[in-house]
PDB file of N, CA and C in Angstrom:
ATOM      1  N   MET A   1       2.103  24.593 -23.145  1.00  0.00           N
ATOM      2  CA  MET A   1       1.471  23.381 -23.320  1.00  0.00           C
ATOM      3  C   MET A   1       1.716  22.360 -22.113  1.00  0.00           C
ATOM      4  N   ILE A   2       0.510  21.643 -22.140  1.00  0.00           N
ATOM      5  CA  ILE A   2       0.015  21.239 -20.802  1.00  0.00           C
ATOM      6  C   ILE A   2       0.269  19.393 -21.219  1.00  0.00           C
ATOM      7  N   GLU A   3       0.988  18.873 -20.528  1.00  0.00           N
ATOM      8  CA  GLU A   3       1.678  17.041 -20.798  1.00  0.00           C
ATOM      9  C   GLU A   3       0.542  16.409 -20.325  1.00  0.00           C
ATOM     10  N   ASN A   4       0.028  15.518 -21.344  1.00  0.00           N
ATOM     11  CA  ASN A   4      -0.773  14.626 -20.868  1.00  0.00           C
ATOM     12  C   ASN A   4       0.068  13.208 -20.592  1.00  0.00           C
ATOM     13  N   LYS A   5      -0.302  12.795 -19.439  1.00  0.00           N
ATOM     14  CA  LYS A   5       0.269  11.675 -18.393  1.00  0.00           C
ATOM     15  C   LYS A   5      -0.863  10.858 -18.775  1.00  0.00           C
ATOM     16  N   PHE A   6      -0.310   9.108 -18.657  1.00  0.00           N
ATOM     17  CA  PHE A   6      -1.530   8.006 -17.892  1.00  0.00           C
ATOM     18  C   PHE A   6      -0.970   7.696 -16.597  1.00  0.00           C
ATOM     19  N   ARG A   7      -2.231   7.668 -15.869  1.00  0.00           N
ATOM     20  CA  ARG A   7      -2.471   7.695 -14.401  1.00  0.00           C
ATOM     21  C   ARG A   7      -2.494   6.492 -14.613  1.00  0.00           C
ATOM     22  N   CYS A   8      -1.896   5.488 -13.615  1.00  0.00           N
ATOM     23  CA  CYS A   8      -1.603   4.532 -13.483  1.00  0.00           C
ATOM     24  C   CYS A   8      -1.925   4.047 -11.690  1.00  0.00           C
ATOM     25  N   ALA A   9      -2.534   3.118 -11.631  1.00  0.00           N
ATOM     26  CA  ALA A   9      -2.859   2.371 -10.209  1.00  0.00           C
ATOM     27  C   ALA A   9      -1.841   1.048  -9.934  1.00  0.00           C
ATOM     28  N   ALA A  10      -2.327   0.153  -8.716  1.00  0.00           N
ATOM     29  CA  ALA A  10      -1.135  -0.787  -9.021  1.00  0.00           C
ATOM     30  C   ALA A  10      -1.934  -1.228  -7.841  1.00  0.00           C
ATOM     31  N   TYR A  11      -1.732  -2.854  -7.638  1.00  0.00           N
ATOM     32  CA  TYR A  11      -2.297  -3.640  -6.601  1.00  0.00           C
ATOM     33  C   TYR A  11      -1.594  -4.782  -6.444  1.00  0.00           C
ATOM     34  N   ILE A  12      -0.953  -4.265  -5.237  1.00  0.00           N
ATOM     35  CA  ILE A  12       0.226  -5.417  -4.592  1.00  0.00           C
ATOM     36  C   ILE A  12      -0.411  -6.793  -3.734  1.00  0.00           C
ATOM     37  N   ARG A  13      -0.207  -7.581  -3.522  1.00  0.00           N
ATOM     38  CA  ARG A  13      -0.948  -8.886  -2.807  1.00  0.00           C
ATOM     39  C   ARG A  13       0.276  -9.831  -2.515  1.00  0.00           C
ATOM     40  N   VAL A  14       0.277  -9.959  -1.353  1.00  0.00           N
ATOM     41  CA  VAL A  14       1.100 -11.582  -0.612  1.00  0.00           C
ATOM     42  C   VAL A  14       0.299 -11.884   0.716  1.00  0.00           C
ATOM     43  N   SER A  15       0.094 -13.399   0.392  1.00  0.00           N
ATOM     44  CA  SER A  15      -0.338 -13.994   1.619  1.00  0.00           C
ATOM     45  C   SER A  15      -0.223 -15.309   2.209  1.00  0.00           C
ATOM     46  N   THR A  16       0.938 -15.212   1.962  1.00  0.00           N
ATOM     47  CA  THR A  16       2.004 -16.680   2.333  1.00  0.00           C
ATOM     48  C   THR A  16       3.093 -16.137   1.891  1.00  0.00           C
ATOM     49  N   ASP A  17       3.852 -17.120   3.171  1.00  0.00           N
ATOM     50  CA  ASP A  17       5.435 -17.315   2.978  1.00  0.00           C
ATOM     51  C   ASP A  17       6.217 -17.416   1.470  1.00  0.00           C
ATOM     52  N   GLU A  18       5.607 -18.697   0.921  1.00  0.00           N
ATOM     53  CA  GLU A  18       5.858 -18.966  -0.504  1.00  0.00           C
ATOM     54  C   GLU A  18       5.476 -17.821  -1.140  1.00  0.00           C
ATOM     55  N   GLN A  19       4.896 -16.925  -1.317  1.00  0.00           N
ATOM     56  CA  GLN A  19       4.268 -15.978  -2.400  1.00  0.00           C
ATOM     57  C   GLN A  19       5.382 -14.711  -2.237  1.00  0.00           C
ATOM     58  N   VAL A  20       5.720 -14.567  -1.283  1.00  0.00           N
ATOM     59  CA  VAL A  20       6.787 -13.593  -0.592  1.00  0.00           C
ATOM     60  C   VAL A  20       8.130 -13.809  -1.685  1.00  0.00           C
ATOM     61  N   ALA A  21       8.298 -15.812  -1.009  1.00  0.00           N
ATOM     62  CA  ALA A  21      10.420 -16.276  -1.394  1.00  0.00           C
ATOM     63  C   ALA A  21       9.559 -16.133  -2.941  1.00  0.00           C
ATOM     64  N   THR A  22       8.952 -15.904  -4.085  1.00  0.00           N
ATOM     65  CA  THR A  22       8.512 -15.796  -5.476  1.00  0.00           C
ATOM     66  C   THR A  22       8.054 -14.365  -6.079  1.00  0.00           C
ATOM     67  N   TRP A  23       7.669 -13.397  -5.323  1.00  0.00           N
ATOM     68  CA  TRP A  23       6.909 -12.698  -6.174  1.00  0.00           C
ATOM     69  C   TRP A  23       8.310 -10.964  -5.290  1.00  0.00           C
ATOM     70  N   GLY A  24       8.410 -11.251  -4.228  1.00  0.00           N
ATOM     71  CA  GLY A  24       9.263 -10.642  -2.564  1.00  0.00           C
ATOM     72  C   GLY A  24       8.368  -9.941  -2.092  1.00  0.00           C
ATOM     73  N   SER A  25       8.731  -9.238  -1.281  1.00  0.00           N
ATOM     74  CA  SER A  25       7.924  -8.678  -0.432  1.00  0.00           C
ATOM     75  C   SER A  25       7.031  -7.433  -1.015  1.00  0.00           C
ATOM     76  N   ILE A  26       6.191  -7.119   0.006  1.00  0.00           N
ATOM     77  CA  ILE A  26       5.145  -5.828  -0.072  1.00  0.00           C
ATOM     78  C   ILE A  26       6.059  -4.323  -0.678  1.00  0.00           C
ATOM     79  N   ASP A  27       7.075  -4.347  -0.143  1.00  0.00           N
ATOM     80  CA  ASP A  27       7.927  -3.385  -0.151  1.00  0.00           C
ATOM     81  C   ASP A  27       8.874  -3.143  -1.420  1.00  0.00           C
ATOM     82  N   TRP A  28       8.927  -4.509  -1.693  1.00  0.00           N
ATOM     83  CA  TRP A  28       9.736  -4.457  -2.864  1.00  0.00           C
ATOM     84  C   TRP A  28       9.128  -4.414  -4.195  1.00  0.00           C
ATOM     85  N   GLN A  29       7.787  -5.162  -4.196  1.00  0.00           N
ATOM     86  CA  GLN A  29       6.853  -4.871  -4.952  1.00  0.00           C
ATOM     87  C   GLN A  29       6.529  -3.367  -5.233  1.00  0.00           C
ATOM     88  N   LYS A  30       6.085  -2.840  -4.508  1.00  0.00           N
ATOM     89  CA  LYS A  30       5.983  -1.167  -4.539  1.00  0.00           C
ATOM     90  C   LYS A  30       6.958  -0.465  -5.351  1.00  0.00           C
ATOM     91  N   ASP A  31       8.686  -0.751  -4.446  1.00  0.00           N
ATOM     92  CA  ASP A  31       9.567   0.039  -5.040  1.00  0.00           C
ATOM     93  C   ASP A  31       9.683  -0.788  -6.823  1.00  0.00           C
ATOM     94  N   ILE A  32      10.106  -1.516  -7.228  1.00  0.00           N
ATOM     95  CA  ILE A  32       9.739  -2.063  -8.685  1.00  0.00           C
ATOM     96  C   ILE A  32       8.392  -1.248  -9.317  1.00  0.00           C
ATOM     97  N   ILE A  33       7.376  -1.483  -9.031  1.00  0.00           N
ATOM     98  CA  ILE A  33       6.091  -0.848  -9.571  1.00  0.00           C
ATOM     99  C   ILE A  33       6.903   0.859  -9.734  1.00  0.00           C
ATOM    100  N   MET A  34       6.971   1.459  -8.605  1.00  0.00           N
ATOM    101  CA  MET A  34       7.387   3.061  -8.867  1.00  0.00           C
ATOM    102  C   MET A  34       8.545   3.768  -9.627  1.00  0.00           C
ATOM    103  N   GLU A  35       9.642   2.534  -9.707  1.00  0.00           N
ATOM    104  CA  GLU A  35      10.606   2.473 -10.744  1.00  0.00           C
ATOM    105  C   GLU A  35      10.089   2.566 -12.100  1.00  0.00           C
ATOM    106  N   ARG A  36       8.947   1.453 -12.289  1.00  0.00           N
ATOM    107  CA  ARG A  36       8.456   1.128 -13.463  1.00  0.00           C
ATOM    108  C   ARG A  36       8.063   2.449 -14.438  1.00  0.00           C
ATOM    109  N   VAL A  37       7.190   3.056 -12.854  1.00  0.00           N
ATOM    110  CA  VAL A  37       6.360   4.269 -13.537  1.00  0.00           C
ATOM    111  C   VAL A  37       7.112   5.353 -14.312  1.00  0.00           C
ATOM    112  N   LYS A  38       7.919   5.900 -13.016  1.00  0.00           N
ATOM    113  CA  LYS A  38       8.949   7.146 -13.362  1.00  0.00           C
ATOM    114  C   LYS A  38       9.548   6.698 -14.682  1.00  0.00           C
ATOM    115  N   SER A  39      10.224   5.725 -14.702  1.00  0.00           N
ATOM    116  CA  SER A  39      10.698   5.257 -16.404  1.00  0.00           C
ATOM    117  C   SER A  39      10.145   6.030 -17.687  1.00  0.00           C
ATOM    118  N   GLN A  40       8.661   5.403 -17.680  1.00  0.00           N
ATOM    119  CA  GLN A  40       7.789   5.917 -18.563  1.00  0.00           C
ATOM    120  C   GLN A  40       7.435   7.341 -18.418  1.00  0.00           C
ATOM    121  N   ARG A  41       8.522   8.250 -19.248  1.00  0.00           N
ATOM    122  CA  ARG A  41       8.027   9.621 -19.502  1.00  0.00           C
ATOM    123  C   ARG A  41       6.497  10.330 -19.314  1.00  0.00           C
ATOM    124  N   ASP A  42       5.630   9.517 -19.916  1.00  0.00           N
ATOM    125  CA  ASP A  42       3.805   9.840 -20.170  1.00  0.00           C
ATOM    126  C   ASP A  42       3.572   9.084 -19.282  1.00  0.00           C
ATOM    127  N   HIS A  43       3.601   8.472 -18.076  1.00  0.00           N
ATOM    128  CA  HIS A  43       3.137   8.162 -16.933  1.00  0.00           C
ATOM    129  C   HIS A  43       2.715   8.747 -15.424  1.00  0.00           C
ATOM    130  N   THR A  44       2.272   8.407 -14.845  1.00  0.00           N
ATOM    131  CA  THR A  44       2.296   8.992 -13.542  1.00  0.00           C
ATOM    132  C   THR A  44       1.103   8.235 -12.331  1.00  0.00           C
ATOM    133  N   ILE A  45       1.968   8.201 -11.128  1.00  0.00           N
ATOM    134  CA  ILE A  45       0.891   7.615 -10.238  1.00  0.00           C
ATOM    135  C   ILE A  45       1.493   7.825  -8.667  1.00  0.00           C
ATOM    136  N   ASN A  46       0.136   8.379  -7.821  1.00  0.00           N
ATOM    137  CA  ASN A  46      -0.002   8.864  -7.114  1.00  0.00           C
ATOM    138  C   ASN A  46       0.470   7.836  -5.585  1.00  0.00           C
ATOM    139  N   GLU A  47       1.442   7.788  -4.856  1.00  0.00           N
ATOM    140  CA  GLU A  47       1.712   6.542  -5.022  1.00  0.00           C
ATOM    141  C   GLU A  47       0.841   6.293  -3.035  1.00  0.00           C
ATOM    142  N   LYS A  48       0.502   7.560  -2.782  1.00  0.00           N
ATOM    143  CA  LYS A  48      -0.303   7.641  -1.332  1.00  0.00           C
ATOM    144  C   LYS A  48      -1.870   7.231  -1.496  1.00  0.00           C
ATOM    145  N   ARG A  49      -2.464   7.332  -2.953  1.00  0.00           N
ATOM    146  CA  ARG A  49      -3.840   7.291  -3.622  1.00  0.00           C
ATOM    147  C   ARG A  49      -3.802   5.968  -4.515  1.00  0.00           C
ATOM    148  N   HIS A  50      -2.786   5.551  -5.350  1.00  0.00           N
ATOM    149  CA  HIS A  50      -3.044   4.262  -6.659  1.00  0.00           C
ATOM    150  C   HIS A  50      -2.459   3.391  -6.103  1.00  0.00           C
ATOM    151  N   ILE A  51      -1.772   2.755  -5.067  1.00  0.00           N
ATOM    152  CA  ILE A  51      -1.515   1.307  -4.773  1.00  0.00           C
ATOM    153  C   ILE A  51      -2.116   1.092  -3.690  1.00  0.00           C
ATOM    154  N   TYR A  52      -2.954   0.439  -4.344  1.00  0.00           N
ATOM    155  CA  TYR A  52      -4.174  -0.729  -3.027  1.00  0.00           C
ATOM    156  C   TYR A  52      -3.045  -2.289  -2.515  1.00  0.00           C
ATOM    157  N   ILE A  53      -2.853  -2.278  -1.595  1.00  0.00           N
ATOM    158  CA  ILE A  53      -1.584  -3.147  -1.096  1.00  0.00           C
ATOM    159  C   ILE A  53      -2.800  -4.285  -0.112  1.00  0.00           C
ATOM    160  N   ASP A  54      -2.977  -5.714  -0.436  1.00  0.00           N
ATOM    161  CA  ASP A  54      -3.611  -6.491   0.141  1.00  0.00           C
ATOM    162  C   ASP A  54      -2.414  -7.170   0.840  1.00  0.00           C
ATOM    163  N   ASP A  55      -2.302  -7.141   2.234  1.00  0.00           N
ATOM    164  CA  ASP A  55      -1.075  -7.453   2.821  1.00  0.00           C
ATOM    165  C   ASP A  55      -0.985  -8.757   3.627  1.00  0.00           C
ATOM    166  N   TRP A  56      -0.999  -9.928   3.258  1.00  0.00           N
ATOM    167  CA  TRP A  56      -1.230 -11.263   4.527  1.00  0.00           C
ATOM    168  C   TRP A  56      -2.810 -11.756   4.430  1.00  0.00           C
ATOM    169  N   TYR A  57      -3.690 -11.910   3.500  1.00  0.00           N
ATOM    170  CA  TYR A  57      -4.783 -12.046   4.032  1.00  0.00           C
ATOM    171  C   TYR A  57      -5.235 -12.812   2.855  1.00  0.00           C
ATOM    172  N   SER A  58      -5.397 -13.690   3.016  1.00  0.00           N
ATOM    173  CA  SER A  58      -5.762 -15.077   2.162  1.00  0.00           C
ATOM    174  C   SER A  58      -7.289 -14.821   1.223  1.00  0.00           C
ATOM    175  N   TRP A  59      -7.315 -14.972   0.627  1.00  0.00           N
ATOM    176  CA  TRP A  59      -8.726 -15.139  -0.307  1.00  0.00           C
ATOM    177  C   TRP A  59      -9.558 -15.995  -0.027  1.00  0.00           C
ATOM    178  N   ALA A  60      -8.700 -17.629   0.563  1.00  0.00           N
ATOM    179  CA  ALA A  60      -9.527 -18.600   1.189  1.00  0.00           C
ATOM    180  C   ALA A  60      -9.969 -17.756   2.401  1.00  0.00           C
ATOM    181  N   LYS A  61      -9.760 -17.634   3.371  1.00  0.00           N
ATOM    182  CA  LYS A  61     -10.078 -17.159   4.156  1.00  0.00           C
ATOM    183  C   LYS A  61     -11.465 -15.741   4.686  1.00  0.00           C
ATOM    184  N   ASP A  62     -12.353 -16.464   5.624  1.00  0.00           N
ATOM    185  CA  ASP A  62     -13.580 -15.326   6.061  1.00  0.00           C
ATOM    186  C   ASP A  62     -13.278 -14.778   6.641  1.00  0.00           C
ATOM    187  N   ASP A  63     -12.233 -14.608   7.692  1.00  0.00           N
ATOM    188  CA  ASP A  63     -11.809 -13.554   8.412  1.00  0.00           C
ATOM    189  C   ASP A  63     -11.316 -12.475   7.637  1.00  0.00           C
ATOM    190  N   ARG A  64     -11.218 -12.514   6.522  1.00  0.00           N
ATOM    191  CA  ARG A  64     -10.515 -10.910   5.706  1.00  0.00           C
ATOM    192  C   ARG A  64     -11.136  -9.617   6.025  1.00  0.00           C
ATOM    193  N   PRO A  65     -10.322  -8.857   5.956  1.00  0.00           N
ATOM    194  CA  PRO A  65     -11.160  -7.451   5.912  1.00  0.00           C
ATOM    195  C   PRO A  65     -11.673  -7.358   4.659  1.00  0.00           C
ATOM    196  N   ALA A  66     -12.718  -6.376   4.547  1.00  0.00           N
ATOM    197  CA  ALA A  66     -13.621  -6.178   3.400  1.00  0.00           C
ATOM    198  C   ALA A  66     -12.915  -5.545   2.043  1.00  0.00           C
TER     199      ALA A  66
END
């Protein structure tokens, strides 16, 4: 029998030192997300394809990458 799983995706972002202090580093956020997904037996996430990281780019700046 094929087991149905919910495919998950995650968006991780920090753009200021204050956000790192509040939400944690990119690596910490990623670890928490992976632990949570793995703890749900009917969920799965492809770490290389479905975790989107926006690291140190502020939405208020015009020079951020697309």
